[in-house]
Amino acid sequence: MKDLSAVRARYIRDPLPVRLGGLAADLARIASFSQNPANIVPVADLMREAAHFIEWCAPESDLESQVTLLELQRRLARWRMRLSQRFPDQAWRDQVIAEAQRWSQRVLEMSGLLAET
């Protein structure tokens, strides 16, 4: 795992919409990397990083976004708890892929970055 203090320092320099965009990108990477059962370690690392990103951006988010981010953090925790046993199962990975893609889109919409293009 990366040095969290360095990652945090870099992450919090960006405005909140960019940070949420980074979280959405991590979720998209979780979906992408989960297609290959050999990627359990990078998927676990991305799940941990995404949980930290939530921790670092939620306090600056509005209440509705905080509730959404907390729900996402719980989902990530559930995935991580089952990861070592369930990751080899294609059906489980397919479910994670679909959910991670939906969450990625939801967080990206929440960021407001889509409205700026």
N, C-alpha and C. Protein backbone atom coordinates (compact mmCIF):
# COMPACT_ATOMS: atom_id res chain seq x y z
N MET A 1 0.85 -1.19 0.00
CA MET A 1 0.00 0.00 0.00
C MET A 1 0.88 1.23 0.00
N LYS A 2 0.41 2.25 -0.64
CA LYS A 2 1.13 3.50 -0.75
C LYS A 2 1.20 4.20 0.60
N ASP A 3 2.13 5.16 0.71
CA ASP A 3 2.22 6.00 1.90
C ASP A 3 0.96 6.86 1.96
N LEU A 4 0.10 6.60 2.93
CA LEU A 4 -1.19 7.29 3.00
C LEU A 4 -1.05 8.79 3.22
N SER A 5 -0.06 9.21 3.97
CA SER A 5 0.07 10.65 4.22
C SER A 5 0.39 11.40 2.93
N ALA A 6 1.20 10.82 2.09
CA ALA A 6 1.52 11.46 0.80
C ALA A 6 0.31 11.43 -0.13
N VAL A 7 -0.41 10.31 -0.14
CA VAL A 7 -1.59 10.21 -0.98
C VAL A 7 -2.65 11.21 -0.51
N ARG A 8 -2.84 11.29 0.80
CA ARG A 8 -3.83 12.23 1.35
C ARG A 8 -3.47 13.67 1.04
N ALA A 9 -2.21 14.02 1.23
CA ALA A 9 -1.77 15.39 0.97
C ALA A 9 -2.04 15.78 -0.48
N ARG A 10 -1.76 14.87 -1.39
CA ARG A 10 -2.01 15.14 -2.81
C ARG A 10 -3.50 15.21 -3.10
N TYR A 11 -4.26 14.30 -2.52
CA TYR A 11 -5.69 14.20 -2.79
C TYR A 11 -6.44 15.44 -2.31
N ILE A 12 -6.16 15.92 -1.12
CA ILE A 12 -6.94 17.04 -0.57
C ILE A 12 -6.56 18.39 -1.17
N ARG A 13 -5.51 18.44 -1.97
CA ARG A 13 -5.16 19.70 -2.65
C ARG A 13 -6.18 20.05 -3.72
N ASP A 14 -6.81 19.03 -4.29
CA ASP A 14 -7.77 19.26 -5.37
C ASP A 14 -9.11 19.72 -4.81
N PRO A 15 -9.87 20.46 -5.63
CA PRO A 15 -11.22 20.82 -5.20
C PRO A 15 -12.10 19.58 -5.08
N LEU A 16 -13.15 19.68 -4.31
CA LEU A 16 -14.03 18.53 -4.03
C LEU A 16 -14.54 17.84 -5.31
N PRO A 17 -14.99 18.56 -6.33
CA PRO A 17 -15.44 17.85 -7.54
C PRO A 17 -14.35 16.98 -8.17
N VAL A 18 -13.14 17.44 -8.17
CA VAL A 18 -12.03 16.66 -8.73
C VAL A 18 -11.76 15.43 -7.86
N ARG A 19 -11.84 15.60 -6.54
CA ARG A 19 -11.64 14.46 -5.64
C ARG A 19 -12.71 13.40 -5.86
N LEU A 20 -13.97 13.85 -6.02
CA LEU A 20 -15.04 12.89 -6.30
C LEU A 20 -14.82 12.22 -7.65
N GLY A 21 -14.30 12.96 -8.61
CA GLY A 21 -13.96 12.37 -9.90
C GLY A 21 -12.89 11.30 -9.75
N GLY A 22 -11.92 11.53 -8.87
CA GLY A 22 -10.89 10.53 -8.59
C GLY A 22 -11.47 9.28 -7.96
N LEU A 23 -12.43 9.47 -7.07
CA LEU A 23 -13.12 8.34 -6.45
C LEU A 23 -13.89 7.56 -7.52
N ALA A 24 -14.58 8.27 -8.40
CA ALA A 24 -15.32 7.61 -9.49
C ALA A 24 -14.35 6.82 -10.38
N ALA A 25 -13.17 7.38 -10.63
CA ALA A 25 -12.18 6.67 -11.45
C ALA A 25 -11.71 5.40 -10.75
N ASP A 26 -11.50 5.45 -9.43
CA ASP A 26 -11.11 4.24 -8.69
C ASP A 26 -12.19 3.17 -8.81
N LEU A 27 -13.44 3.58 -8.71
CA LEU A 27 -14.55 2.62 -8.83
C LEU A 27 -14.58 2.00 -10.22
N ALA A 28 -14.33 2.80 -11.24
CA ALA A 28 -14.27 2.27 -12.60
C ALA A 28 -13.11 1.30 -12.75
N ARG A 29 -11.98 1.60 -12.10
CA ARG A 29 -10.83 0.68 -12.15
C ARG A 29 -11.15 -0.62 -11.42
N ILE A 30 -11.88 -0.54 -10.31
CA ILE A 30 -12.30 -1.76 -9.60
C ILE A 30 -13.11 -2.64 -10.55
N ALA A 31 -14.04 -2.02 -11.27
CA ALA A 31 -14.85 -2.78 -12.23
C ALA A 31 -13.98 -3.40 -13.32
N SER A 32 -13.07 -2.62 -13.86
CA SER A 32 -12.22 -3.10 -14.94
C SER A 32 -11.27 -4.20 -14.48
N PHE A 33 -10.59 -3.98 -13.38
CA PHE A 33 -9.62 -4.95 -12.88
C PHE A 33 -10.28 -6.24 -12.41
N SER A 34 -11.54 -6.14 -11.97
CA SER A 34 -12.24 -7.33 -11.46
C SER A 34 -12.59 -8.32 -12.56
N GLN A 35 -12.41 -7.94 -13.81
CA GLN A 35 -12.69 -8.87 -14.90
C GLN A 35 -11.70 -10.04 -14.91
N ASN A 36 -10.52 -9.83 -14.34
CA ASN A 36 -9.49 -10.86 -14.33
C ASN A 36 -9.31 -11.39 -12.91
N PRO A 37 -9.51 -12.69 -12.66
CA PRO A 37 -9.39 -13.23 -11.31
C PRO A 37 -7.97 -13.14 -10.75
N ALA A 38 -6.99 -12.89 -11.59
CA ALA A 38 -5.61 -12.74 -11.10
C ALA A 38 -5.37 -11.38 -10.47
N ASN A 39 -6.31 -10.46 -10.59
CA ASN A 39 -6.12 -9.08 -10.11
C ASN A 39 -6.62 -8.85 -8.68
N ILE A 40 -6.67 -9.85 -7.86
CA ILE A 40 -7.22 -9.68 -6.51
C ILE A 40 -6.45 -8.64 -5.70
N VAL A 41 -5.13 -8.62 -5.80
CA VAL A 41 -4.34 -7.66 -5.01
C VAL A 41 -4.60 -6.22 -5.45
N PRO A 42 -4.51 -5.91 -6.75
CA PRO A 42 -4.81 -4.52 -7.13
C PRO A 42 -6.25 -4.12 -6.85
N VAL A 43 -7.19 -5.05 -6.95
CA VAL A 43 -8.58 -4.72 -6.63
C VAL A 43 -8.71 -4.41 -5.14
N ALA A 44 -8.08 -5.20 -4.30
CA ALA A 44 -8.11 -4.94 -2.85
C ALA A 44 -7.49 -3.58 -2.54
N ASP A 45 -6.36 -3.26 -3.20
CA ASP A 45 -5.72 -1.96 -2.99
C ASP A 45 -6.63 -0.81 -3.43
N LEU A 46 -7.30 -0.97 -4.56
CA LEU A 46 -8.21 0.07 -5.05
C LEU A 46 -9.39 0.25 -4.10
N MET A 47 -9.89 -0.84 -3.56
CA MET A 47 -11.00 -0.75 -2.61
C MET A 47 -10.59 0.00 -1.35
N ARG A 48 -9.37 -0.28 -0.87
CA ARG A 48 -8.86 0.45 0.31
C ARG A 48 -8.67 1.93 -0.02
N GLU A 49 -8.08 2.21 -1.17
CA GLU A 49 -7.86 3.59 -1.57
C GLU A 49 -9.19 4.34 -1.71
N ALA A 50 -10.18 3.71 -2.32
CA ALA A 50 -11.49 4.35 -2.48
C ALA A 50 -12.11 4.66 -1.12
N ALA A 51 -11.97 3.75 -0.17
CA ALA A 51 -12.49 3.99 1.18
C ALA A 51 -11.81 5.20 1.82
N HIS A 52 -10.50 5.34 1.61
CA HIS A 52 -9.80 6.52 2.12
C HIS A 52 -10.25 7.79 1.42
N PHE A 53 -10.45 7.72 0.11
CA PHE A 53 -10.92 8.89 -0.64
C PHE A 53 -12.26 9.36 -0.07
N ILE A 54 -13.13 8.42 0.25
CA ILE A 54 -14.43 8.78 0.84
C ILE A 54 -14.21 9.49 2.17
N GLU A 55 -13.36 8.93 3.00
CA GLU A 55 -13.06 9.52 4.30
C GLU A 55 -12.55 10.95 4.16
N TRP A 56 -11.77 11.20 3.12
CA TRP A 56 -11.14 12.51 2.95
C TRP A 56 -12.01 13.53 2.23
N CYS A 57 -13.07 13.09 1.58
CA CYS A 57 -13.91 14.08 0.90
C CYS A 57 -15.30 14.22 1.53
N ALA A 58 -15.75 13.25 2.27
CA ALA A 58 -17.09 13.31 2.85
C ALA A 58 -17.29 14.52 3.76
N PRO A 59 -16.33 14.88 4.62
CA PRO A 59 -16.58 16.02 5.51
C PRO A 59 -16.89 17.34 4.78
N GLU A 60 -16.41 17.49 3.57
CA GLU A 60 -16.66 18.72 2.82
C GLU A 60 -17.89 18.63 1.92
N SER A 61 -18.51 17.46 1.89
CA SER A 61 -19.68 17.24 1.03
C SER A 61 -20.95 17.67 1.76
N ASP A 62 -22.00 17.93 0.98
CA ASP A 62 -23.29 18.24 1.58
C ASP A 62 -23.86 16.98 2.24
N LEU A 63 -24.87 17.15 3.05
CA LEU A 63 -25.41 16.03 3.84
C LEU A 63 -25.88 14.88 2.96
N GLU A 64 -26.59 15.16 1.89
CA GLU A 64 -27.07 14.10 1.01
C GLU A 64 -25.90 13.31 0.41
N SER A 65 -24.86 14.01 0.00
CA SER A 65 -23.67 13.34 -0.55
C SER A 65 -22.96 12.53 0.52
N GLN A 66 -22.93 13.03 1.75
CA GLN A 66 -22.30 12.28 2.84
C GLN A 66 -23.02 10.95 3.05
N VAL A 67 -24.35 10.97 3.01
CA VAL A 67 -25.13 9.75 3.18
C VAL A 67 -24.80 8.77 2.05
N THR A 68 -24.74 9.27 0.82
CA THR A 68 -24.41 8.43 -0.33
C THR A 68 -23.01 7.85 -0.19
N LEU A 69 -22.06 8.68 0.22
CA LEU A 69 -20.68 8.22 0.36
C LEU A 69 -20.55 7.18 1.49
N LEU A 70 -21.31 7.36 2.56
CA LEU A 70 -21.30 6.38 3.64
C LEU A 70 -21.84 5.04 3.16
N GLU A 71 -22.90 5.08 2.35
CA GLU A 71 -23.46 3.85 1.78
C GLU A 71 -22.42 3.16 0.90
N LEU A 72 -21.71 3.95 0.11
CA LEU A 72 -20.65 3.39 -0.74
C LEU A 72 -19.53 2.80 0.10
N GLN A 73 -19.16 3.48 1.17
CA GLN A 73 -18.08 2.97 2.02
C GLN A 73 -18.48 1.63 2.66
N ARG A 74 -19.72 1.51 3.04
CA ARG A 74 -20.20 0.22 3.57
C ARG A 74 -20.15 -0.87 2.50
N ARG A 75 -20.51 -0.52 1.27
CA ARG A 75 -20.46 -1.49 0.17
C ARG A 75 -19.03 -1.95 -0.05
N LEU A 76 -18.09 -1.00 -0.07
CA LEU A 76 -16.67 -1.35 -0.25
C LEU A 76 -16.19 -2.28 0.87
N ALA A 77 -16.61 -2.00 2.09
CA ALA A 77 -16.21 -2.85 3.22
C ALA A 77 -16.75 -4.26 3.05
N ARG A 78 -18.00 -4.39 2.59
CA ARG A 78 -18.57 -5.72 2.37
C ARG A 78 -17.81 -6.47 1.29
N TRP A 79 -17.48 -5.78 0.21
CA TRP A 79 -16.70 -6.43 -0.86
C TRP A 79 -15.36 -6.89 -0.32
N ARG A 80 -14.68 -6.03 0.40
CA ARG A 80 -13.34 -6.37 0.92
C ARG A 80 -13.40 -7.55 1.87
N MET A 81 -14.45 -7.64 2.70
CA MET A 81 -14.56 -8.75 3.64
C MET A 81 -14.69 -10.08 2.92
N ARG A 82 -15.31 -10.08 1.75
CA ARG A 82 -15.56 -11.33 1.01
C ARG A 82 -14.53 -11.57 -0.10
N LEU A 83 -13.67 -10.64 -0.32
CA LEU A 83 -12.79 -10.66 -1.49
C LEU A 83 -11.97 -11.94 -1.59
N SER A 84 -11.29 -12.34 -0.53
CA SER A 84 -10.39 -13.50 -0.64
C SER A 84 -11.15 -14.80 -0.93
N GLN A 85 -12.36 -14.93 -0.41
CA GLN A 85 -13.12 -16.15 -0.65
C GLN A 85 -13.90 -16.11 -1.96
N ARG A 86 -14.43 -14.95 -2.33
CA ARG A 86 -15.38 -14.88 -3.45
C ARG A 86 -14.77 -14.42 -4.77
N PHE A 87 -13.59 -13.80 -4.75
CA PHE A 87 -13.05 -13.22 -5.98
C PHE A 87 -12.86 -14.25 -7.10
N PRO A 88 -12.50 -15.49 -6.81
CA PRO A 88 -12.38 -16.47 -7.91
C PRO A 88 -13.71 -16.78 -8.61
N ASP A 89 -14.83 -16.49 -7.97
CA ASP A 89 -16.16 -16.79 -8.49
C ASP A 89 -16.57 -15.73 -9.52
N GLN A 90 -16.68 -16.14 -10.78
CA GLN A 90 -17.01 -15.21 -11.87
C GLN A 90 -18.34 -14.50 -11.63
N ALA A 91 -19.34 -15.21 -11.14
CA ALA A 91 -20.65 -14.60 -10.90
C ALA A 91 -20.55 -13.49 -9.86
N TRP A 92 -19.78 -13.72 -8.81
CA TRP A 92 -19.60 -12.69 -7.78
C TRP A 92 -18.87 -11.49 -8.36
N ARG A 93 -17.80 -11.76 -9.13
CA ARG A 93 -17.05 -10.66 -9.76
C ARG A 93 -17.94 -9.87 -10.70
N ASP A 94 -18.80 -10.56 -11.45
CA ASP A 94 -19.72 -9.87 -12.35
C ASP A 94 -20.63 -8.92 -11.58
N GLN A 95 -21.07 -9.35 -10.41
CA GLN A 95 -21.92 -8.50 -9.57
C GLN A 95 -21.13 -7.28 -9.09
N VAL A 96 -19.90 -7.50 -8.65
CA VAL A 96 -19.05 -6.39 -8.21
C VAL A 96 -18.80 -5.43 -9.37
N ILE A 97 -18.53 -5.98 -10.54
CA ILE A 97 -18.27 -5.15 -11.72
C ILE A 97 -19.47 -4.25 -12.00
N ALA A 98 -20.66 -4.83 -12.02
CA ALA A 98 -21.87 -4.06 -12.31
C ALA A 98 -22.12 -2.99 -11.25
N GLU A 99 -21.97 -3.36 -9.99
CA GLU A 99 -22.20 -2.39 -8.91
C GLU A 99 -21.14 -1.29 -8.91
N ALA A 100 -19.89 -1.65 -9.14
CA ALA A 100 -18.82 -0.65 -9.16
C ALA A 100 -19.03 0.33 -10.31
N GLN A 101 -19.50 -0.17 -11.45
CA GLN A 101 -19.78 0.73 -12.58
C GLN A 101 -20.91 1.69 -12.24
N ARG A 102 -21.97 1.18 -11.60
CA ARG A 102 -23.09 2.05 -11.20
C ARG A 102 -22.63 3.09 -10.18
N TRP A 103 -21.84 2.66 -9.20
CA TRP A 103 -21.34 3.59 -8.20
C TRP A 103 -20.42 4.64 -8.83
N SER A 104 -19.59 4.21 -9.76
CA SER A 104 -18.70 5.15 -10.44
C SER A 104 -19.51 6.24 -11.13
N GLN A 105 -20.54 5.84 -11.85
CA GLN A 105 -21.40 6.81 -12.55
C GLN A 105 -22.10 7.73 -11.56
N ARG A 106 -22.60 7.15 -10.48
CA ARG A 106 -23.31 7.94 -9.47
C ARG A 106 -22.40 8.99 -8.83
N VAL A 107 -21.19 8.60 -8.47
CA VAL A 107 -20.24 9.53 -7.86
C VAL A 107 -19.81 10.59 -8.87
N LEU A 108 -19.61 10.18 -10.11
CA LEU A 108 -19.24 11.15 -11.15
C LEU A 108 -20.35 12.19 -11.33
N GLU A 109 -21.60 11.75 -11.35
CA GLU A 109 -22.72 12.69 -11.43
C GLU A 109 -22.77 13.59 -10.21
N MET A 110 -22.52 13.03 -9.04
CA MET A 110 -22.52 13.80 -7.80
C MET A 110 -21.43 14.87 -7.81
N SER A 111 -20.33 14.59 -8.50
CA SER A 111 -19.20 15.54 -8.54
C SER A 111 -19.53 16.81 -9.29
N GLY A 112 -20.46 16.72 -10.22
CA GLY A 112 -20.77 17.88 -11.05
C GLY A 112 -19.84 18.04 -12.24
N LEU A 113 -18.87 17.18 -12.37
CA LEU A 113 -17.90 17.30 -13.46
C LEU A 113 -18.54 17.05 -14.82
N LEU A 114 -19.57 16.25 -14.88
CA LEU A 114 -20.23 15.97 -16.15
C LEU A 114 -20.95 17.22 -16.68
N ALA A 115 -21.44 18.05 -15.78
CA ALA A 115 -22.17 19.26 -16.17
C ALA A 115 -21.24 20.31 -16.76
N GLU A 116 -19.94 20.21 -16.44
CA GLU A 116 -18.97 21.22 -16.88
C GLU A 116 -18.47 20.98 -18.29
N THR A 117 -18.77 19.83 -18.90
CA THR A 117 -18.25 19.55 -20.23
C THR A 117 -19.18 20.00 -21.32
